[in-house]
Each structure stands twice: as structure tokens, then as C-alpha cells.
Protein backbone atom coordinates (compact mmCIF):
# COMPACT_ATOMS: atom_id res chain seq x y z
CA MET A 1 123.68 79.52 82.80
CA ALA A 2 124.53 83.22 82.46
CA MET A 3 122.27 85.86 84.01
CA SER A 4 121.43 87.15 80.52
CA ASP A 5 120.11 83.69 79.63
CA ARG A 6 118.05 83.55 82.81
CA LEU A 7 116.55 86.94 82.04
CA ASP A 8 115.35 85.51 78.73
CA LEU A 9 113.39 82.91 80.74
CA VAL A 10 111.53 85.56 82.71
CA ASN A 11 108.46 87.28 81.28
CA PRO A 12 107.45 90.89 82.01
CA SER A 13 104.79 91.23 84.70
CA GLU A 14 101.24 90.73 83.36
CA ILE A 15 100.06 93.26 85.93
CA ARG A 16 102.37 95.96 84.62
CA LYS A 17 101.40 95.24 81.01
CA LEU A 18 97.73 95.69 81.89
CA PHE A 19 98.48 98.83 83.89
CA ASP A 20 100.34 100.34 80.93
CA ILE A 21 97.37 99.69 78.60
CA ALA A 22 94.90 101.11 81.13
CA ALA A 23 97.07 104.20 81.65
CA GLY A 24 96.65 105.08 77.97
CA MET A 25 92.84 104.96 78.15
CA LYS A 26 90.38 107.57 79.40
CA ASP A 27 87.90 107.09 82.26
CA VAL A 28 89.36 103.75 83.39
CA ILE A 29 88.90 102.69 87.01
CA SER A 30 92.01 100.71 87.85
CA LEU A 31 91.55 97.86 90.33
CA GLY A 32 94.82 96.38 89.14
CA ILE A 33 97.94 97.63 90.88
CA GLY A 34 98.29 96.61 94.52
CA GLU A 35 99.09 99.96 96.06
CA PRO A 36 97.45 101.87 98.93
CA ASP A 37 95.48 104.88 97.73
CA PHE A 38 96.27 106.61 101.02
CA ASP A 39 99.03 109.18 101.29
CA THR A 40 101.98 108.55 103.61
CA PRO A 41 101.05 109.93 107.06
CA GLN A 42 102.15 113.54 107.42
CA HIS A 43 104.33 113.00 110.48
CA ILE A 44 106.44 110.45 108.56
CA LYS A 45 106.99 113.00 105.79
CA GLU A 46 108.06 115.48 108.46
CA TYR A 47 110.60 113.00 109.80
CA ALA A 48 112.08 112.69 106.30
CA LYS A 49 112.33 116.48 106.01
CA GLU A 50 113.96 116.58 109.43
CA ALA A 51 116.54 114.04 108.27
CA LEU A 52 117.30 116.11 105.16
CA ASP A 53 117.76 119.22 107.30
CA MET A 54 120.12 117.21 109.51
CA GLY A 55 122.25 116.43 106.47
CA LEU A 56 121.48 112.69 106.29
CA THR A 57 122.17 112.66 102.57
CA HIS A 58 125.26 110.46 102.53
CA TYR A 59 125.89 106.72 102.14
CA GLY A 60 124.79 104.48 104.98
CA PRO A 61 125.91 100.96 105.92
CA ASN A 62 125.12 98.23 103.35
CA ILE A 63 123.08 96.42 106.01
CA GLY A 64 121.04 99.52 106.92
CA LEU A 65 121.18 102.25 109.57
CA PRO A 66 121.73 100.90 113.11
CA GLU A 67 118.85 102.96 114.54
CA LEU A 68 116.40 101.51 112.02
CA ARG A 69 117.59 97.94 112.57
CA GLU A 70 117.15 98.44 116.31
CA ALA A 71 113.61 99.80 115.80
CA ILE A 72 112.80 96.82 113.56
CA ALA A 73 114.12 94.42 116.22
CA GLU A 74 111.79 96.05 118.77
CA LYS A 75 108.85 95.78 116.36
CA LEU A 76 109.57 92.10 115.60
CA LYS A 77 109.78 91.22 119.29
CA LYS A 78 106.62 93.12 120.25
CA GLN A 79 104.37 92.34 117.28
CA ASN A 80 105.72 89.06 115.87
CA ASN A 81 107.31 87.32 118.85
CA ILE A 82 110.57 87.07 116.85
CA GLU A 83 113.89 87.62 118.60
CA ALA A 84 116.43 88.93 116.08
CA ASP A 85 119.83 90.51 116.69
CA PRO A 86 119.77 93.95 115.01
CA ASN A 87 123.52 93.80 114.42
CA LYS A 88 123.63 90.60 112.38
CA GLU A 89 120.12 89.15 111.85
CA ILE A 90 118.26 92.15 110.40
CA MET A 91 118.89 93.89 107.09
CA VAL A 92 117.22 96.92 105.53
CA LEU A 93 116.40 96.72 101.81
CA VAL A 94 115.43 99.00 98.92
CA GLY A 95 111.86 97.69 99.06
CA ALA A 96 110.82 94.24 100.27
CA ASN A 97 110.96 92.89 96.71
CA GLN A 98 114.76 92.79 96.91
CA ALA A 99 114.45 90.08 99.55
CA PHE A 100 113.44 87.33 97.14
CA LEU A 101 116.32 87.40 94.65
CA MET A 102 118.90 88.36 97.27
CA GLY A 103 117.62 85.87 99.84
CA LEU A 104 117.42 82.98 97.38
CA SER A 105 120.88 83.81 96.03
CA ALA A 106 122.28 83.35 99.53
CA PHE A 107 121.71 79.58 99.50
CA LEU A 108 120.18 78.24 96.27
CA LYS A 109 122.33 76.08 93.95
CA ASP A 110 121.75 75.64 90.22
CA GLY A 111 118.73 73.46 89.52
CA GLU A 112 117.48 73.28 93.11
CA GLU A 113 113.73 73.57 93.51
CA VAL A 114 111.61 76.07 95.42
CA LEU A 115 107.97 75.29 96.29
CA ILE A 116 105.62 78.19 95.57
CA PRO A 117 101.95 77.91 96.64
CA THR A 118 99.84 79.37 93.85
CA PRO A 119 98.06 81.65 93.08
CA ALA A 120 101.17 83.62 94.12
CA PHE A 121 102.71 87.07 93.97
CA VAL A 122 104.29 87.56 90.54
CA SER A 123 107.85 88.18 91.80
CA TYR A 124 108.45 84.77 93.39
CA ALA A 125 108.97 82.52 90.35
CA PRO A 126 111.17 85.00 88.43
CA ALA A 127 113.34 85.47 91.54
CA VAL A 128 113.83 81.70 91.77
CA ILE A 129 114.77 81.50 88.08
CA LEU A 130 117.19 84.44 88.30
CA ALA A 131 118.82 82.85 91.35
CA GLY A 132 119.42 79.68 89.31
CA GLY A 133 116.64 77.57 90.79
CA LYS A 134 113.48 75.93 89.52
CA PRO A 135 110.09 77.21 90.70
CA VAL A 136 107.58 74.45 91.49
CA GLU A 137 103.94 75.50 91.74
CA VAL A 138 101.86 73.97 94.53
CA PRO A 139 98.15 74.68 93.95
CA THR A 140 95.86 76.02 96.65
CA TYR A 141 92.09 75.80 96.34
CA GLU A 142 89.03 77.97 96.76
CA GLU A 143 87.39 75.21 98.87
CA ASN A 144 90.12 75.73 101.49
CA GLU A 145 90.02 79.55 101.20
CA PHE A 146 93.26 79.28 99.17
CA ARG A 147 95.19 78.33 102.31
CA LEU A 148 98.25 76.12 101.78
CA ASN A 149 97.74 72.46 102.69
CA VAL A 150 100.70 70.29 103.69
CA ASP A 151 99.15 67.32 101.89
CA GLU A 152 99.62 69.28 98.65
CA LEU A 153 103.22 70.10 99.55
CA LYS A 154 103.95 66.39 99.97
CA LYS A 155 102.96 65.78 96.34
CA TYR A 156 105.58 68.20 95.01
CA VAL A 157 108.60 67.87 97.32
CA THR A 158 111.63 66.04 95.88
CA GLU A 159 115.26 65.47 96.79
CA LYS A 160 116.05 68.67 94.90
CA THR A 161 113.66 70.83 96.96
CA LYS A 162 115.58 73.43 98.93
CA ALA A 163 113.04 76.06 99.97
CA LEU A 164 109.40 77.04 100.34
CA ILE A 165 107.88 80.50 99.91
CA ILE A 166 104.77 81.37 101.93
CA ASN A 167 102.73 84.58 101.87
CA SER A 168 100.23 85.41 104.59
CA PRO A 169 98.15 87.50 104.22
CA CYS A 170 98.28 86.50 100.58
CA ASN A 171 98.54 88.49 97.39
CA PRO A 172 96.41 87.79 95.28
CA THR A 173 93.81 85.75 97.21
CA GLY A 174 93.61 87.54 100.57
CA SER A 175 93.95 84.22 102.41
CA VAL A 176 95.50 84.13 105.89
CA LEU A 177 97.26 81.07 107.27
CA LYS A 178 96.07 79.88 110.68
CA LYS A 179 98.52 79.02 113.44
CA LYS A 180 97.78 75.33 112.92
CA ASP A 181 98.59 75.70 109.19
CA LEU A 182 101.93 77.29 110.07
CA GLU A 183 102.75 74.60 112.62
CA GLU A 184 102.15 71.89 110.02
CA ILE A 185 104.20 73.80 107.43
CA ALA A 186 107.00 74.21 109.99
CA ASP A 187 107.05 70.46 110.71
CA PHE A 188 107.17 69.80 106.95
CA ALA A 189 110.07 72.27 106.53
CA VAL A 190 112.05 70.63 109.34
CA GLU A 191 111.35 67.12 108.03
CA HIS A 192 112.64 68.03 104.57
CA ASP A 193 115.34 70.48 105.76
CA LEU A 194 113.87 73.42 103.84
CA ILE A 195 114.47 77.13 104.19
CA VAL A 196 111.21 79.09 104.42
CA ILE A 197 110.81 82.55 102.93
CA SER A 198 107.84 84.13 104.69
CA ASP A 199 106.39 87.20 102.99
CA GLU A 200 104.44 89.15 105.61
CA VAL A 201 104.10 92.60 104.04
CA TYR A 202 100.30 92.67 104.54
CA GLU A 203 100.41 91.56 108.20
CA HIS A 204 98.54 94.61 109.51
CA PHE A 205 95.61 94.33 107.13
CA ILE A 206 93.55 91.46 108.52
CA TYR A 207 89.82 91.23 109.19
CA ASP A 208 87.05 89.30 110.96
CA ASP A 209 89.10 88.96 114.17
CA VAL A 210 91.71 86.84 112.39
CA LYS A 211 95.22 86.91 113.90
CA HIS A 212 98.54 87.08 112.06
CA TYR A 213 101.29 84.68 113.09
CA SER A 214 104.92 84.64 111.97
CA ILE A 215 106.38 81.21 111.23
CA ALA A 216 109.81 82.34 112.49
CA SER A 217 108.30 82.69 115.99
CA LEU A 218 107.66 78.93 116.18
CA ASP A 219 110.18 76.74 117.99
CA GLY A 220 113.32 76.14 115.96
CA MET A 221 112.08 78.02 112.89
CA PHE A 222 114.08 81.26 113.05
CA GLU A 223 117.19 79.31 112.03
CA ARG A 224 115.57 78.31 108.73
CA THR A 225 113.35 81.31 107.96
CA ILE A 226 113.79 84.55 106.03
CA THR A 227 111.00 86.85 107.25
CA VAL A 228 110.23 89.51 104.65
CA ASN A 229 108.46 92.76 105.49
CA GLY A 230 108.46 96.42 104.63
CA PHE A 231 106.95 99.87 104.90
CA SER A 232 105.21 100.19 101.51
CA LYS A 233 101.89 98.66 102.51
CA THR A 234 101.99 99.25 106.28
CA PHE A 235 102.58 103.00 106.19
CA ALA A 236 101.50 103.65 102.56
CA MET A 237 105.11 104.29 101.51
CA THR A 238 105.30 102.41 98.20
CA GLY A 239 107.33 105.12 96.43
CA TRP A 240 109.80 105.40 99.30
CA ARG A 241 111.16 101.89 98.52
CA LEU A 242 112.03 100.51 101.94
CA GLY A 243 111.81 96.94 103.21
CA PHE A 244 113.59 94.61 105.60
CA VAL A 245 114.35 91.00 106.39
CA ALA A 246 115.08 89.05 109.57
CA ALA A 247 117.11 85.88 109.01
CA PRO A 248 120.00 83.80 110.38
CA SER A 249 123.30 85.72 110.36
CA TRP A 250 124.88 83.55 107.64
CA ILE A 251 122.08 84.48 105.23
CA ILE A 252 122.21 88.19 106.16
CA GLU A 253 125.98 88.15 105.61
CA LYS A 254 125.54 86.91 102.03
CA MET A 255 122.64 89.29 101.31
CA VAL A 256 124.77 92.21 102.51
CA LYS A 257 127.49 91.12 100.09
CA PHE A 258 124.90 91.12 97.27
CA GLN A 259 123.71 94.61 98.25
CA MET A 260 127.30 95.86 98.41
CA TYR A 261 127.59 95.41 94.65
CA ASN A 262 123.97 96.18 93.82
CA ALA A 263 122.13 99.18 95.34
CA THR A 264 124.90 99.81 97.94
CA CYS A 265 122.40 100.85 100.62
CA PRO A 266 118.84 102.08 101.10
CA VAL A 267 118.23 105.85 101.11
CA THR A 268 119.62 107.26 104.35
CA PHE A 269 117.07 109.97 105.17
CA ILE A 270 114.19 107.57 104.42
CA GLN A 271 115.63 105.06 106.89
CA TYR A 272 115.74 107.76 109.55
CA ALA A 273 112.06 108.56 108.91
CA ALA A 274 111.12 104.87 109.09
CA ALA A 275 112.95 104.37 112.40
CA LYS A 276 111.06 107.31 113.88
CA ALA A 277 107.77 106.10 112.38
CA LEU A 278 108.04 102.64 113.95
CA ARG A 279 108.30 104.20 117.42
CA ASP A 280 105.56 106.80 116.92
CA GLU A 281 102.03 105.86 118.07
CA ARG A 282 100.57 108.09 115.37
CA SER A 283 101.89 105.66 112.76
CA TRP A 284 99.96 102.74 114.23
CA LYS A 285 96.79 104.81 114.59
CA ALA A 286 97.08 105.62 110.88
CA VAL A 287 97.51 101.91 110.10
CA GLU A 288 94.34 101.05 112.01
CA GLU A 289 92.39 103.80 110.21
CA MET A 290 93.55 102.38 106.87
CA ARG A 291 92.65 98.85 107.97
CA LYS A 292 89.11 99.90 108.92
CA GLU A 293 88.58 101.59 105.57
CA TYR A 294 89.95 98.58 103.66
CA ASP A 295 87.54 96.41 105.64
CA ARG A 296 84.59 98.63 104.64
CA ARG A 297 85.59 98.36 100.98
CA ARG A 298 86.20 94.61 101.25
CA LYS A 299 82.63 94.04 102.46
CA LEU A 300 81.21 96.14 99.62
CA VAL A 301 83.18 94.41 96.84
CA TRP A 302 82.61 90.90 98.22
CA LYS A 303 78.85 91.51 98.43
CA ARG A 304 78.58 93.03 94.97
CA LEU A 305 80.68 90.36 93.22
CA ASN A 306 78.57 87.56 94.65
CA GLU A 307 75.36 89.42 93.76
CA MET A 308 76.45 89.82 90.14
CA GLY A 309 77.06 86.08 89.83
CA LEU A 310 80.80 85.83 90.45
CA PRO A 311 81.25 83.43 93.42
CA THR A 312 83.87 84.89 95.73
CA VAL A 313 85.61 83.73 98.90
CA LYS A 314 85.56 86.45 101.54
CA PRO A 315 89.25 87.41 101.97
CA LYS A 316 90.64 87.52 105.50
CA GLY A 317 93.58 89.81 104.77
CA ALA A 318 95.56 92.14 102.45
CA PHE A 319 93.48 94.35 100.12
CA TYR A 320 92.69 91.92 97.32
CA ILE A 321 89.72 89.78 96.42
CA PHE A 322 89.79 86.84 94.00
CA PRO A 323 86.41 86.17 92.34
CA ARG A 324 85.77 83.02 90.30
CA ILE A 325 84.92 83.82 86.68
CA LYS A 326 84.92 80.24 85.30
CA ASP A 327 81.13 80.19 84.86
CA THR A 328 81.31 83.04 82.32
CA GLY A 329 83.02 80.65 79.89
CA LEU A 330 85.88 83.11 79.44
CA THR A 331 89.53 82.64 80.35
CA SER A 332 90.84 85.02 83.00
CA LYS A 333 92.72 86.98 80.33
CA GLU A 334 89.62 87.24 78.11
CA PHE A 335 87.54 88.36 81.09
CA SER A 336 90.10 91.02 82.04
CA GLU A 337 90.27 92.30 78.47
CA LEU A 338 86.47 92.43 78.27
CA MET A 339 86.24 94.43 81.49
CA LEU A 340 88.94 96.83 80.36
CA MET A 341 87.51 97.48 76.89
CA GLU A 342 83.76 97.33 77.66
CA ALA A 343 83.45 98.36 81.31
CA LYS A 344 86.63 100.42 81.49
CA VAL A 345 87.59 98.62 84.67
CA ALA A 346 91.09 97.19 85.00
CA VAL A 347 91.34 93.84 86.83
CA VAL A 348 94.22 91.36 86.69
CA PRO A 349 93.82 87.90 85.09
CA GLY A 350 94.33 85.12 87.63
CA SER A 351 96.68 83.36 85.21
CA ALA A 352 99.29 86.05 86.02
CA PHE A 353 99.63 84.42 89.45
CA GLY A 354 100.27 80.86 88.29
CA LYS A 355 98.31 77.93 86.84
CA ALA A 356 96.04 77.71 89.90
CA GLY A 357 94.94 81.29 89.23
CA GLU A 358 93.23 80.48 85.93
CA GLY A 359 89.47 80.87 86.22
CA TYR A 360 89.79 83.83 88.60
CA VAL A 361 90.70 87.52 88.48
CA ARG A 362 92.33 89.71 91.09
CA ILE A 363 90.67 92.90 92.20
CA SER A 364 92.43 95.39 94.44
CA TYR A 365 90.09 97.33 96.71
CA ALA A 366 92.83 99.82 97.60
CA THR A 367 90.89 102.58 95.89
CA ALA A 368 88.17 105.01 96.95
CA TYR A 369 84.81 103.53 98.07
CA GLU A 370 82.87 105.59 95.51
CA LYS A 371 85.13 104.39 92.69
CA LEU A 372 84.64 100.79 93.81
CA GLU A 373 80.85 101.27 93.71
CA GLU A 374 81.12 102.68 90.18
CA ALA A 375 83.45 99.85 89.09
CA MET A 376 81.05 97.21 90.43
CA ASP A 377 78.14 98.90 88.59
CA ARG A 378 80.11 98.90 85.33
CA MET A 379 81.17 95.28 85.67
CA GLU A 380 77.65 94.10 86.49
CA LYS A 381 76.21 96.01 83.52
CA VAL A 382 78.62 94.33 81.08
CA LEU A 383 77.99 90.86 82.57
CA ARG A 384 74.21 91.36 82.22
CA GLU A 385 74.43 92.75 78.69
CA LYS A 386 76.66 89.89 77.53
CA LYS A 387 74.52 87.36 79.46
CA LEU A 388 77.63 85.93 81.11
CA THR A 389 76.10 85.27 84.55
């Protein structure tokens, strides 16, 4: 099947569609797009200016600047217990989102299946389709805090299954996989000879003394794992478009080949700034300040949603919350449209994240505390007026 045919199979993002509608309305509080409301820390901006003044405005290596790959290797060893060779097992990307299509294209054959626990980030299934594969949804459940259960995986694995995508902390549910969960998933991956794509972009935003673990740090798992991460969420650098992967050298080699004829390389002066940022203690202090503020907002939104009659699991990570709206009698799309038109609050229908997302909506609390209070007031008012809870 030609790429043009595959593109016809992929639908535009429901999140973006909603965002475009909301952008054309006045006085809308958007809890839709998953983007930090914080500015990039000033010292990181200064590093970028420094790089420009140094003349770092030329092409860099397809795989990424050596100094950034070395800094990433240090970070992975220190924070994730992952040993990766910066010369051949780490690659810098134009945003972490590149990792899914490029990573899958490195090994997936036509018609092979990829297990995707849902509700899931909207990029996963389209990336599988564009790479020639077949996405297979594996539901996760509110009763288990939306954490992936190996018993569910067993129901969906077939001889055609080639890979599994995991996301912890999770967008859209905020769930965080425990070490025991990851160990069971690792055993399952080894048993069925699967490659695991582990999306860890929200690793630094976890709460309630929960700990983040990387599946590639478990015995024998680096050889079959593509660890995806980036700078957008960690350092509030979404517009800078910079991500990275750690993976076996044969996968990196193929991804570099893809990049060679795609974006060529990430922006050189931005890579310099990122390398400096990773080694600067001020960066990590800024991350902790952001985490504390997200936690304060999380507690507010969780409390208010439950009080207004929308049962909600308390998320352990990321900056999303996933309230159940089934009892209102509305579909997730109808609920989102109601909130946008009547309350002027933009939330994302759970159906955008897969079949298991129906009956829920995603709310991002990456916005100012005062705006969140106002949004909760507006939502509650509409629910009361319409007698939906």
C-alpha cells in the first residue's frame, strides 16, 4: 500500500479539531491541549542565544550533536538506570513524536500488529498505520487506575504481533505503571519476542511518592526497547521541538537513515542549549517547581470533579485527569461539545484516545490555578442547570 493510501486511513487529531473551534470563540478556558503553561526557564533561553552568537546555525549530524547525545547518556544512566552508548544507541529527534513513525518503520513489516493499551496518546495508532502495521487496542480500566494488565495483553496477542507501546506516566489518564507491572510486561514481551516502545515524556511529573521506572533498565530489556523522551514537557520547551530515543544500535541506524531523508537533523543551536540544560542544576530546580504546581492543581481539579458528580481516579502522573461522564447519559463527544458551547470550557472527548476512552473526557490541568477554579465553576453550573449529575 502506498503512503498516500495509508494517509487516507488516518484521521486528523480530534484534539486539534477541538482546539481550532475553541480558538475561534471568545472567553473560552482551554483544558484541551497538553502543553505546559510555564515559559522555558530563562537560563535555557540564554544558552540558545549563546549558541547563536557562537555561530551554531549550520547543519548538524543526522543522529544529533555529540555533546547532546553524551549529556543524554549521562541523564539516562543517572535517572533511569539505562546504559546507552551515545555514539550508536542514542538519537536526537525533532520532537519526541518523530520516534513513533521512525521507530516503527525500523522493524515493522506490512500487516504486522502493534498492541496499544487504550485510552492512548493520539499519535500511536496513526504511526502504526503509516508504518504499514495494524494497531490493536488493548483496553485498560478505571478499576485498575487505567494501568496495563498482562492478562488483557494475552487476549490480544497473535502470531502477527510484533510490538507493544507503553506510556507511563500516561496521556490521557495520568496512570503510572508500577515496577511489578513493568516486570510482568517485560516477561510478556520476551515470551512473545516483542519490541517495546516506551513513551516516558512525562517521567518527571509524578505525585504521591510514586516512582518512575524505565522498562529498558530491566534485565535483558534494552535489546528490545525503544525508550522515547524529550524536552517539551520536562523543560517546558514544546515549541523548540526536541526529543530523543535510546535503542539498540540496529534500530538507531535505520532511524538515522529515515531522518537523513526527512528532517535531516534537529536544530543545531537548540541542541546546544539542551545539552547545557541537562547538566545545569537550575533546570532540575525548575522542573521540581513545575511539578509542585501541577500537583497543587491536580488536587484542586480532582476534588472539584468528584464533588460535581463526575467520579474521577486520582492521577499519579503527567498533567491530565480523566473523569467518568457516563452517568450524564451523554457520549464523550456530546459532553465535550456541551461544555464548549454552554460553559465555554474546552475538554477532549475520551473517544479521541481509543474505544476504551468512551465515557470519559480528558482535562489538562497545565493551566493557571485561577483559570482551573473558574473552569470547574462553569462546568458545575452547566451540570446543575441541565440536571446531568
